[in-house]
Amino acid sequence: MRILILFTLALLAAAISAQEPAPAPPAEAIIKDGKLTDPVWNFTYEARGLERGLATPARGVLFEGRAAGGIQIGIRVMEAPKELEGAKWREMAKASFSKAKRKMQDVVESSEGTPTLTFTESKLDIFTEEHGYAFYPRGYQCFVVHAFVADKTETSGKRISECLNGLKAAKAAGPTMQAFMLSMESGLPIDDPRILIESGRRYSAEGAGRNLTLAMRVLKQARKTIKPDTLPAPVIWQLYETGGHAQLASDPRDLKGAIEWLTLAEQAAAKMPEEQRANASGLSAYNLACAYSLAGEIEKGYEALYRSLKDKLIVDAGHLTSDTDLNNLKKDTERWDKFWKERVAGR
């Protein structure tokens, strides 16, 4: 079981504040003659009488407004661990509607060109709304256009269909959602290494939003562009530590890659301020011991484990006992017992 120290936003904020003035935030979407142009995500959207609404990046919403005829419009971006066709995104949406027990009637699906889904929905058994969704896949992402109207009329269905077919997205992959949100919050460019590192950390964290594929995508991008002498040592360490942790957690595990990243993390920890160095170095050494153990490299595994002990990393007895990543090291009972006694004596 790997151990991961979370990289706090306070550390990111400190790194950001050290650079003045802060770069301008991403360019805003522009509406002109009923056409929405978004230079960050590289898409255009047309709907007659389109009005500027509210953008809420924290919810993945790129645009909320309305078009002529009272049609409410929403455009959001969704992400997945792999590339999916639009029809698959539609199936996932239907499953989420079903889970939410939405009362869908007159359901119509179309796969001509862009996959769409339209239906009427009963609200409180008093009134109905008419909804339409269109799914535009792009790499790991999918732009979802949602058009709806509260009062269904003879012409509202046609207007909704027109709104669903108005988006044009470039094929090139845009920024990840995490990077977009952090960029908006901080004012740093989306491709800034600090943004990419924290994005990778968030994608790696366990929970509903975990996406290890996207974590490694942004971390590798950060590794290509980073200049170690321009950023604080803890930020450099977080890059390598998070990358190693993500590769150990992936399925299948990339043990060779994890060992490389965690080795770099341990080297980066040695350059950190004294008050932070031991804990970070010990953590990387422990996770490296897990990687070596899983790879069957027993000698190197014990060397890393003893380095974590020297750096006084506190790993409680229960964690050590239950950590299955260390099973190959534990098979050498004589050396494991010796390590255990030295660990207890050193506490």
Foldseek 3Di string as FASTA:
>chain_A
DADDDFDDVVQLVVQLVVDPPFAAFADAWDDDQQKTAHPQQAKIFGAAQWDFDDADLVVQWNGWTAHPPQKTKTKGKDFDLWFDAQVVVVVVVVVVCVVVVWAWAPWDWDDDPWTKIWTWTQDPVPFIKIKMWTWDTATRMIMIMIIIHRDDDPCPVVSRVVRRPGMDGDNDGGADSQLNVVSVVRRHDSLALSSLLNSLSVLCDDDDNNHLSSSLVSLVSSVVPDDVVSTALVSQLSSLQSNLSSQCPDVVHDLVSNLVSLVSSLVSLVPHPPVRSLQSNLSSLQSNLLSCLQVLNQVSSVVSNVSSLVSVHDDDPVCVVPVVSNVSNCVVVVVVVVSVVVSVVSD
